């Protein structure tokens, strides 16, 4: 019995010691304040990458174009360039819009910058060549078409327009070479045969010109430009009956063709 009394006294002593050593707690607060802890505290504001902002402007611009809102679309594309000025594709796309607007200076500026940013871009050089040509800078245009052909030797657009440009400049030998290269790549090029016919006619190679024009007519029998020039080639050779029949054929394609009517004296 004394043994049990000892342990009972020891238990209550330990219990009273635990209670007395526990701290007194205040009443809990009505609201629990929350302070952001690391890694949130002191974080900088998240910046949207330039590429993402540019893409947003581009997508909106494309959507506006599809809705016929050209002016607003142009503003969005300009915003895309401001967000990502080193993007050559966006520069090229903006240049095409300026061209559509008729602002050749801005179109040229953007195309030149697109070409500087991406010198291997064939489309950049093609557009630049066309702009130079339309602005009377034929030498620069020739240089750009030659660069296209260095990058893509079988580029049909460059071969065609370079041939036409050489024709305009009176360099019939180079024009012939360029157009023959085009026809070696694509024998079904209507414009290739047509321009080669013009080069040959200018070079007074009338039989060869006839051949080119006839091949063009096989591809488009009602082409007024080809029929008219073929008739003139016949006239220059004194083949008047062939010329008359060609003019009549031209009037069958278009009864209102004034040139053919006048040549036939009708």
C-alpha atoms as a PDB file:
ATOM      1  CA  UNK A   1       0.000   0.000   0.000  1.00  0.00           C
ATOM      2  CA  UNK A   2       2.835   2.348   0.833  1.00  0.00           C
ATOM      3  CA  UNK A   3       4.392   1.478  -2.523  1.00  0.00           C
ATOM      4  CA  UNK A   4       1.258   2.533  -4.404  1.00  0.00           C
ATOM      5  CA  UNK A   5       0.987   5.736  -2.397  1.00  0.00           C
ATOM      6  CA  UNK A   6       4.529   6.666  -3.419  1.00  0.00           C
ATOM      7  CA  UNK A   7       3.833   6.301  -7.143  1.00  0.00           C
ATOM      8  CA  UNK A   8       0.561   8.185  -6.851  1.00  0.00           C
ATOM      9  CA  UNK A   9       2.328  11.084  -5.166  1.00  0.00           C
ATOM     10  CA  UNK A  10       5.070  11.018  -7.834  1.00  0.00           C
ATOM     11  CA  UNK A  11       2.486  11.063 -10.671  1.00  0.00           C
ATOM     12  CA  UNK A  12       0.627  14.089  -9.297  1.00  0.00           C
ATOM     13  CA  UNK A  13       3.913  15.902  -8.721  1.00  0.00           C
ATOM     14  CA  UNK A  14       4.965  15.380 -12.338  1.00  0.00           C
ATOM     15  CA  UNK A  15       1.536  16.391 -13.568  1.00  0.00           C
ATOM     16  CA  UNK A  16       1.531  19.591 -11.540  1.00  0.00           C
ATOM     17  CA  UNK A  17       5.037  20.355 -12.838  1.00  0.00           C
ATOM     18  CA  UNK A  18       3.925  20.005 -16.491  1.00  0.00           C
ATOM     19  CA  UNK A  19       0.941  22.271 -16.019  1.00  0.00           C
ATOM     20  CA  UNK A  20       2.912  24.966 -14.276  1.00  0.00           C
ATOM     21  CA  UNK A  21       5.611  24.979 -16.992  1.00  0.00           C
ATOM     22  CA  UNK A  22       3.128  25.452 -19.942  1.00  0.00           C
ATOM     23  CA  UNK A  23       2.934  29.082 -21.285  1.00  0.00           C
ATOM     24  CA  UNK A  24      -0.270  31.070 -21.073  1.00  0.00           C
ATOM     25  CA  UNK A  25      -1.835  31.596 -24.562  1.00  0.00           C
ATOM     26  CA  UNK A  26      -3.668  34.775 -25.488  1.00  0.00           C
ATOM     27  CA  UNK A  27      -7.013  34.684 -27.237  1.00  0.00           C
ATOM     28  CA  UNK A  28      -6.579  33.946 -30.982  1.00  0.00           C
ATOM     29  CA  UNK A  29      -6.828  36.985 -33.319  1.00  0.00           C
ATOM     30  CA  UNK A  30     -10.074  37.487 -35.202  1.00  0.00           C
ATOM     31  CA  UNK A  31      -8.148  37.617 -38.540  1.00  0.00           C
ATOM     32  CA  UNK A  32      -4.961  35.886 -39.539  1.00  0.00           C
ATOM     33  CA  UNK A  33      -2.657  38.272 -41.403  1.00  0.00           C
ATOM     34  CA  UNK A  34      -0.832  36.703 -44.382  1.00  0.00           C
ATOM     35  CA  UNK A  35       2.454  37.994 -45.670  1.00  0.00           C
ATOM     36  CA  UNK A  36       3.828  36.489 -48.883  1.00  0.00           C
ATOM     37  CA  UNK A  37       6.878  34.418 -48.183  1.00  0.00           C
ATOM     38  CA  UNK A  38       9.790  33.632 -50.447  1.00  0.00           C
ATOM     39  CA  UNK A  39       9.836  33.106 -53.365  1.00  0.00           C
ATOM     40  CA  UNK A  40       6.914  35.539 -53.719  1.00  0.00           C
ATOM     41  CA  UNK A  41       8.214  38.424 -51.642  1.00  0.00           C
ATOM     42  CA  UNK A  42      10.211  40.896 -53.702  1.00  0.00           C
ATOM     43  CA  UNK A  43       9.521  39.187 -57.069  1.00  0.00           C
ATOM     44  CA  UNK A  44       9.656  41.486 -60.137  1.00  0.00           C
ATOM     45  CA  UNK A  45       6.593  41.980 -62.301  1.00  0.00           C
ATOM     46  CA  UNK A  46       6.443  39.304 -64.974  1.00  0.00           C
ATOM     47  CA  UNK A  47       7.335  40.778 -68.394  1.00  0.00           C
ATOM     48  CA  UNK A  48       5.693  39.367 -71.524  1.00  0.00           C
ATOM     49  CA  UNK A  49       8.453  38.391 -73.980  1.00  0.00           C
ATOM     50  CA  UNK A  50       8.823  40.634 -77.032  1.00  0.00           C
ATOM     51  CA  UNK A  51       8.139  37.699 -79.344  1.00  0.00           C
ATOM     52  CA  UNK A  52       4.843  36.980 -77.590  1.00  0.00           C
ATOM     53  CA  UNK A  53       3.722  40.615 -77.776  1.00  0.00           C
ATOM     54  CA  UNK A  54       4.657  40.757 -81.446  1.00  0.00           C
ATOM     55  CA  UNK A  55       2.762  37.544 -82.106  1.00  0.00           C
ATOM     56  CA  UNK A  56      -0.301  39.017 -80.421  1.00  0.00           C
ATOM     57  CA  UNK A  57      -0.212  42.082 -82.675  1.00  0.00           C
ATOM     58  CA  UNK A  58       0.395  39.884 -85.715  1.00  0.00           C
ATOM     59  CA  UNK A  59      -2.531  37.572 -84.956  1.00  0.00           C
ATOM     60  CA  UNK A  60      -4.849  40.515 -84.363  1.00  0.00           C
ATOM     61  CA  UNK A  61      -3.653  42.157 -87.564  1.00  0.00           C
ATOM     62  CA  UNK A  62      -4.329  39.010 -89.566  1.00  0.00           C
ATOM     63  CA  UNK A  63      -7.814  38.794 -88.094  1.00  0.00           C
ATOM     64  CA  UNK A  64      -8.535  42.438 -88.945  1.00  0.00           C
ATOM     65  CA  UNK A  65      -7.335  41.900 -92.508  1.00  0.00           C
ATOM     66  CA  UNK A  66      -9.747  39.010 -92.919  1.00  0.00           C
ATOM     67  CA  UNK A  67     -12.514  41.355 -91.765  1.00  0.00           C
ATOM     68  CA  UNK A  68     -11.525  44.013 -94.286  1.00  0.00           C
ATOM     69  CA  UNK A  69     -10.229  46.428 -91.628  1.00  0.00           C
ATOM     70  CA  UNK A  70      -7.032  47.357 -93.461  1.00  0.00           C
ATOM     71  CA  UNK A  71      -6.200  50.531 -91.518  1.00  0.00           C
ATOM     72  CA  UNK A  72      -6.516  48.892 -88.111  1.00  0.00           C
ATOM     73  CA  UNK A  73      -4.624  45.843 -89.341  1.00  0.00           C
ATOM     74  CA  UNK A  74      -1.765  48.052 -90.509  1.00  0.00           C
ATOM     75  CA  UNK A  75      -1.588  49.622 -87.049  1.00  0.00           C
ATOM     76  CA  UNK A  76      -1.341  46.165 -85.457  1.00  0.00           C
ATOM     77  CA  UNK A  77       1.475  45.122 -87.781  1.00  0.00           C
ATOM     78  CA  UNK A  78       3.324  48.326 -86.966  1.00  0.00           C
ATOM     79  CA  UNK A  79       2.853  47.456 -83.285  1.00  0.00           C
ATOM     80  CA  UNK A  80       4.315  44.015 -83.940  1.00  0.00           C
ATOM     81  CA  UNK A  81       7.460  45.617 -85.366  1.00  0.00           C
ATOM     82  CA  UNK A  82       7.756  47.920 -82.363  1.00  0.00           C
ATOM     83  CA  UNK A  83       7.576  44.880 -80.084  1.00  0.00           C
ATOM     84  CA  UNK A  84      10.074  42.806 -82.073  1.00  0.00           C
ATOM     85  CA  UNK A  85      12.037  45.024 -84.486  1.00  0.00           C
ATOM     86  CA  UNK A  86      14.536  42.304 -85.401  1.00  0.00           C
ATOM     87  CA  UNK A  87      11.907  39.958 -86.864  1.00  0.00           C
ATOM     88  CA  UNK A  88      12.537  39.836 -90.624  1.00  0.00           C
ATOM     89  CA  UNK A  89       9.251  38.077 -91.406  1.00  0.00           C
ATOM     90  CA  UNK A  90       7.216  40.802 -89.704  1.00  0.00           C
ATOM     91  CA  UNK A  91       9.198  43.439 -91.603  1.00  0.00           C
ATOM     92  CA  UNK A  92       8.447  41.660 -94.879  1.00  0.00           C
ATOM     93  CA  UNK A  93       4.759  41.329 -94.047  1.00  0.00           C
ATOM     94  CA  UNK A  94       4.495  45.007 -93.134  1.00  0.00           C
ATOM     95  CA  UNK A  95       6.232  45.906 -96.402  1.00  0.00           C
ATOM     96  CA  UNK A  96       3.556  44.067 -98.388  1.00  0.00           C
ATOM     97  CA  UNK A  97       0.870  46.063 -96.585  1.00  0.00           C
ATOM     98  CA  UNK A  98       2.610  49.354 -97.332  1.00  0.00           C
ATOM     99  CA  UNK A  99       2.860  48.237-100.955  1.00  0.00           C
ATOM    100  CA  UNK A 100      -0.848  47.479-100.974  1.00  0.00           C
ATOM    101  CA  UNK A 101      -1.452  50.950 -99.574  1.00  0.00           C
ATOM    102  CA  UNK A 102       0.710  52.449-102.320  1.00  0.00           C
ATOM    103  CA  UNK A 103       3.384  53.768 -99.968  1.00  0.00           C
ATOM    104  CA  UNK A 104       6.462  52.630-101.887  1.00  0.00           C
ATOM    105  CA  UNK A 105       8.948  54.476 -99.691  1.00  0.00           C
ATOM    106  CA  UNK A 106       7.843  52.724 -96.510  1.00  0.00           C
ATOM    107  CA  UNK A 107       7.554  49.415 -98.353  1.00  0.00           C
ATOM    108  CA  UNK A 108      11.131  49.826 -99.570  1.00  0.00           C
ATOM    109  CA  UNK A 109      12.368  50.762 -96.095  1.00  0.00           C
ATOM    110  CA  UNK A 110      10.845  47.667 -94.489  1.00  0.00           C
ATOM    111  CA  UNK A 111      11.979  45.348 -97.285  1.00  0.00           C
ATOM    112  CA  UNK A 112      15.545  46.613 -97.127  1.00  0.00           C
ATOM    113  CA  UNK A 113      15.549  46.056 -93.367  1.00  0.00           C
ATOM    114  CA  UNK A 114      14.028  42.578 -93.748  1.00  0.00           C
ATOM    115  CA  UNK A 115      16.754  41.728 -96.265  1.00  0.00           C
ATOM    116  CA  UNK A 116      19.456  43.034 -93.930  1.00  0.00           C
ATOM    117  CA  UNK A 117      18.093  40.882 -91.104  1.00  0.00           C
ATOM    118  CA  UNK A 118      17.697  37.805 -93.303  1.00  0.00           C
ATOM    119  CA  UNK A 119      20.030  38.020 -96.324  1.00  0.00           C
ATOM    120  CA  UNK A 120      19.221  34.448 -97.362  1.00  0.00           C
ATOM    121  CA  UNK A 121      15.485  35.129 -97.614  1.00  0.00           C
ATOM    122  CA  UNK A 122      14.539  34.679-101.280  1.00  0.00           C
ATOM    123  CA  UNK A 123      11.178  36.423-100.891  1.00  0.00           C
ATOM    124  CA  UNK A 124      12.910  39.464 -99.409  1.00  0.00           C
ATOM    125  CA  UNK A 125      15.141  39.838-102.458  1.00  0.00           C
ATOM    126  CA  UNK A 126      12.260  39.245-104.887  1.00  0.00           C
ATOM    127  CA  UNK A 127      10.142  41.960-103.309  1.00  0.00           C
ATOM    128  CA  UNK A 128      13.128  44.290-103.124  1.00  0.00           C
ATOM    129  CA  UNK A 129      13.881  43.715-106.815  1.00  0.00           C
ATOM    130  CA  UNK A 130      10.291  44.484-107.763  1.00  0.00           C
ATOM    131  CA  UNK A 131      10.275  47.673-105.704  1.00  0.00           C
ATOM    132  CA  UNK A 132      13.548  48.878-107.203  1.00  0.00           C
ATOM    133  CA  UNK A 133      12.220  48.194-110.694  1.00  0.00           C
ATOM    134  CA  UNK A 134       8.960  50.058-110.069  1.00  0.00           C
ATOM    135  CA  UNK A 135      10.950  53.025-108.739  1.00  0.00           C
ATOM    136  CA  UNK A 136      13.183  53.153-111.814  1.00  0.00           C
ATOM    137  CA  UNK A 137      16.300  51.731-110.155  1.00  0.00           C
ATOM    138  CA  UNK A 138      16.890  48.982-112.708  1.00  0.00           C
ATOM    139  CA  UNK A 139      20.533  48.333-111.808  1.00  0.00           C
ATOM    140  CA  UNK A 140      19.610  47.600-108.196  1.00  0.00           C
ATOM    141  CA  UNK A 141      16.712  45.460-109.382  1.00  0.00           C
ATOM    142  CA  UNK A 142      19.016  43.374-111.587  1.00  0.00           C
ATOM    143  CA  UNK A 143      21.376  42.897-108.644  1.00  0.00           C
ATOM    144  CA  UNK A 144      18.558  41.600-106.431  1.00  0.00           C
ATOM    145  CA  UNK A 145      17.257  39.165-109.071  1.00  0.00           C
ATOM    146  CA  UNK A 146      20.804  37.883-109.525  1.00  0.00           C
ATOM    147  CA  UNK A 147      21.038  37.356-105.772  1.00  0.00           C
ATOM    148  CA  UNK A 148      17.802  35.357-105.857  1.00  0.00           C
ATOM    149  CA  UNK A 149      19.265  33.137-108.566  1.00  0.00           C
ATOM    150  CA  UNK A 150      22.449  32.688-106.550  1.00  0.00           C
ATOM    151  CA  UNK A 151      20.291  31.416-103.681  1.00  0.00           C
ATOM    152  CA  UNK A 152      17.825  29.534-105.891  1.00  0.00           C
ATOM    153  CA  UNK A 153      19.147  28.982-109.462  1.00  0.00           C
ATOM    154  CA  UNK A 154      15.803  27.651-110.747  1.00  0.00           C
ATOM    155  CA  UNK A 155      13.593  30.365-109.317  1.00  0.00           C
ATOM    156  CA  UNK A 156      11.074  30.918-112.116  1.00  0.00           C
ATOM    157  CA  UNK A 157       9.921  34.335-110.953  1.00  0.00           C
ATOM    158  CA  UNK A 158      13.463  35.707-110.914  1.00  0.00           C
ATOM    159  CA  UNK A 159      14.300  34.195-114.317  1.00  0.00           C
ATOM    160  CA  UNK A 160      11.150  35.670-115.869  1.00  0.00           C
ATOM    161  CA  UNK A 161      11.412  39.159-114.432  1.00  0.00           C
ATOM    162  CA  UNK A 162      15.148  39.364-114.966  1.00  0.00           C
ATOM    163  CA  UNK A 163      14.609  38.439-118.615  1.00  0.00           C
ATOM    164  CA  UNK A 164      11.875  41.070-118.946  1.00  0.00           C
ATOM    165  CA  UNK A 165      14.114  43.628-117.257  1.00  0.00           C
ATOM    166  CA  UNK A 166      17.016  42.896-119.608  1.00  0.00           C
ATOM    167  CA  UNK A 167      14.558  43.300-122.503  1.00  0.00           C
ATOM    168  CA  UNK A 168      13.563  46.709-121.164  1.00  0.00           C
ATOM    169  CA  UNK A 169      17.229  47.674-120.855  1.00  0.00           C
ATOM    170  CA  UNK A 170      17.917  46.537-124.425  1.00  0.00           C
ATOM    171  CA  UNK A 171      20.288  43.728-123.455  1.00  0.00           C
ATOM    172  CA  UNK A 172      18.730  41.096-125.708  1.00  0.00           C
ATOM    173  CA  UNK A 173      21.504  38.546-125.257  1.00  0.00           C
ATOM    174  CA  UNK A 174      21.099  38.414-121.478  1.00  0.00           C
ATOM    175  CA  UNK A 175      17.317  38.541-121.813  1.00  0.00           C
ATOM    176  CA  UNK A 176      17.385  35.533-124.141  1.00  0.00           C
ATOM    177  CA  UNK A 177      19.660  33.600-121.805  1.00  0.00           C
ATOM    178  CA  UNK A 178      17.452  34.243-118.770  1.00  0.00           C
ATOM    179  CA  UNK A 179      14.213  33.346-120.577  1.00  0.00           C
ATOM    180  CA  UNK A 180      15.685  30.195-122.115  1.00  0.00           C
ATOM    181  CA  UNK A 181      16.788  29.122-118.632  1.00  0.00           C
ATOM    182  CA  UNK A 182      13.217  29.688-117.455  1.00  0.00           C
ATOM    183  CA  UNK A 183      11.773  27.557-120.267  1.00  0.00           C
ATOM    184  CA  UNK A 184      14.300  24.817-119.501  1.00  0.00           C
ATOM    185  CA  UNK A 185      12.842  24.738-115.984  1.00  0.00           C
ATOM    186  CA  UNK A 186       9.213  25.130-117.080  1.00  0.00           C
ATOM    187  CA  UNK A 187       8.392  24.611-120.753  1.00  0.00           C
ATOM    188  CA  UNK A 188       4.750  25.511-120.033  1.00  0.00           C
ATOM    189  CA  UNK A 189       5.502  29.088-119.004  1.00  0.00           C
ATOM    190  CA  UNK A 190       3.168  31.243-121.095  1.00  0.00           C
ATOM    191  CA  UNK A 191       4.973  34.431-120.119  1.00  0.00           C
ATOM    192  CA  UNK A 192       8.325  32.816-120.802  1.00  0.00           C
ATOM    193  CA  UNK A 193       7.367  32.098-124.418  1.00  0.00           C
ATOM    194  CA  UNK A 194       5.708  35.502-124.785  1.00  0.00           C
ATOM    195  CA  UNK A 195       8.709  37.500-123.572  1.00  0.00           C
ATOM    196  CA  UNK A 196      11.129  35.365-125.550  1.00  0.00           C
ATOM    197  CA  UNK A 197       9.004  36.139-128.620  1.00  0.00           C
ATOM    198  CA  UNK A 198       9.313  39.842-127.869  1.00  0.00           C
ATOM    199  CA  UNK A 199      13.080  39.590-127.443  1.00  0.00           C
ATOM    200  CA  UNK A 200      13.407  37.756-130.748  1.00  0.00           C
ATOM    201  CA  UNK A 201      11.150  40.247-132.523  1.00  0.00           C
ATOM    202  CA  UNK A 202      13.221  43.138-131.142  1.00  0.00           C
ATOM    203  CA  UNK A 203      16.337  41.322-132.347  1.00  0.00           C
ATOM    204  CA  UNK A 204      14.690  41.001-135.800  1.00  0.00           C
ATOM    205  CA  UNK A 205      14.724  37.218-135.482  1.00  0.00           C
ATOM    206  CA  UNK A 206      11.225  37.058-136.867  1.00  0.00           C
ATOM    207  CA  UNK A 207      10.951  33.340-137.612  1.00  0.00           C
ATOM    208  CA  UNK A 208      12.158  32.532-134.111  1.00  0.00           C
ATOM    209  CA  UNK A 209       9.700  35.100-132.740  1.00  0.00           C
ATOM    210  CA  UNK A 210       6.851  33.396-134.637  1.00  0.00           C
ATOM    211  CA  UNK A 211       7.815  30.102-133.021  1.00  0.00           C
ATOM    212  CA  UNK A 212       7.754  31.604-129.522  1.00  0.00           C
ATOM    213  CA  UNK A 213       4.406  33.328-130.055  1.00  0.00           C
ATOM    214  CA  UNK A 214       2.832  30.162-131.472  1.00  0.00           C
ATOM    215  CA  UNK A 215       3.979  28.184-128.425  1.00  0.00           C
ATOM    216  CA  UNK A 216       2.444  30.861-126.212  1.00  0.00           C
ATOM    217  CA  UNK A 217      -0.838  30.569-128.149  1.00  0.00           C
ATOM    218  CA  UNK A 218      -0.859  26.803-127.614  1.00  0.00           C
ATOM    219  CA  UNK A 219      -1.023  27.590-123.907  1.00  0.00           C
ATOM    220  CA  UNK A 220      -3.574  30.411-124.280  1.00  0.00           C
ATOM    221  CA  UNK A 221      -5.207  30.575-127.755  1.00  0.00           C
ATOM    222  CA  UNK A 222      -7.114  33.783-126.929  1.00  0.00           C
ATOM    223  CA  UNK A 223      -4.253  35.881-125.581  1.00  0.00           C
ATOM    224  CA  UNK A 224      -4.764  39.295-127.179  1.00  0.00           C
ATOM    225  CA  UNK A 225      -1.211  40.477-126.502  1.00  0.00           C
ATOM    226  CA  UNK A 226       0.302  37.426-128.192  1.00  0.00           C
ATOM    227  CA  UNK A 227      -2.069  37.544-131.184  1.00  0.00           C
ATOM    228  CA  UNK A 228      -1.426  41.238-131.738  1.00  0.00           C
ATOM    229  CA  UNK A 229       2.360  40.896-131.624  1.00  0.00           C
ATOM    230  CA  UNK A 230       2.331  37.812-133.834  1.00  0.00           C
ATOM    231  CA  UNK A 231       0.293  39.727-136.415  1.00  0.00           C
ATOM    232  CA  UNK A 232       2.823  42.559-136.311  1.00  0.00           C
ATOM    233  CA  UNK A 233       5.682  40.099-136.829  1.00  0.00           C
ATOM    234  CA  UNK A 234       3.863  38.776-139.893  1.00  0.00           C
ATOM    235  CA  UNK A 235       3.479  42.323-141.192  1.00  0.00           C
ATOM    236  CA  UNK A 236       7.161  43.069-140.679  1.00  0.00           C
ATOM    237  CA  UNK A 237       7.982  40.059-142.859  1.00  0.00           C
ATOM    238  CA  UNK A 238       5.449  41.006-145.514  1.00  0.00           C
ATOM    239  CA  UNK A 239       3.244  38.008-144.686  1.00  0.00           C
ATOM    240  CA  UNK A 240       0.085  40.051-145.043  1.00  0.00           C
ATOM    241  CA  UNK A 241      -2.375  37.175-145.395  1.00  0.00           C
ATOM    242  CA  UNK A 242      -1.066  35.598-142.193  1.00  0.00           C
ATOM    243  CA  UNK A 243      -1.340  38.978-140.491  1.00  0.00           C
ATOM    244  CA  UNK A 244      -4.944  39.449-141.668  1.00  0.00           C
ATOM    245  CA  UNK A 245      -5.976  36.007-140.428  1.00  0.00           C
ATOM    246  CA  UNK A 246      -4.323  36.684-137.082  1.00  0.00           C
ATOM    247  CA  UNK A 247      -6.121  40.025-136.718  1.00  0.00           C
ATOM    248  CA  UNK A 248      -9.426  38.302-137.501  1.00  0.00           C
ATOM    249  CA  UNK A 249      -8.632  35.705-134.886  1.00  0.00           C
ATOM    250  CA  UNK A 250      -7.937  38.547-132.476  1.00  0.00           C
ATOM    251  CA  UNK A 251     -11.361  40.061-133.192  1.00  0.00           C
ATOM    252  CA  UNK A 252     -12.973  36.687-132.547  1.00  0.00           C
ATOM    253  CA  UNK A 253     -11.389  36.755-129.108  1.00  0.00           C
ATOM    254  CA  UNK A 254     -12.439  40.381-128.556  1.00  0.00           C
ATOM    255  CA  UNK A 255     -14.689  42.100-131.081  1.00  0.00           C
ATOM    256  CA  UNK A 256     -13.950  45.455-129.423  1.00  0.00           C
ATOM    257  CA  UNK A 257     -10.213  45.344-130.043  1.00  0.00           C
ATOM    258  CA  UNK A 258      -9.562  48.737-131.627  1.00  0.00           C
ATOM    259  CA  UNK A 259      -6.059  47.900-132.841  1.00  0.00           C
ATOM    260  CA  UNK A 260      -7.181  44.893-134.884  1.00  0.00           C
ATOM    261  CA  UNK A 261     -10.159  46.818-136.269  1.00  0.00           C
ATOM    262  CA  UNK A 262      -7.919  49.665-137.412  1.00  0.00           C
ATOM    263  CA  UNK A 263      -5.312  47.347-138.935  1.00  0.00           C
ATOM    264  CA  UNK A 264      -8.011  45.621-140.975  1.00  0.00           C
ATOM    265  CA  UNK A 265      -9.432  48.988-142.014  1.00  0.00           C
ATOM    266  CA  UNK A 266     -12.879  48.117-140.706  1.00  0.00           C
END
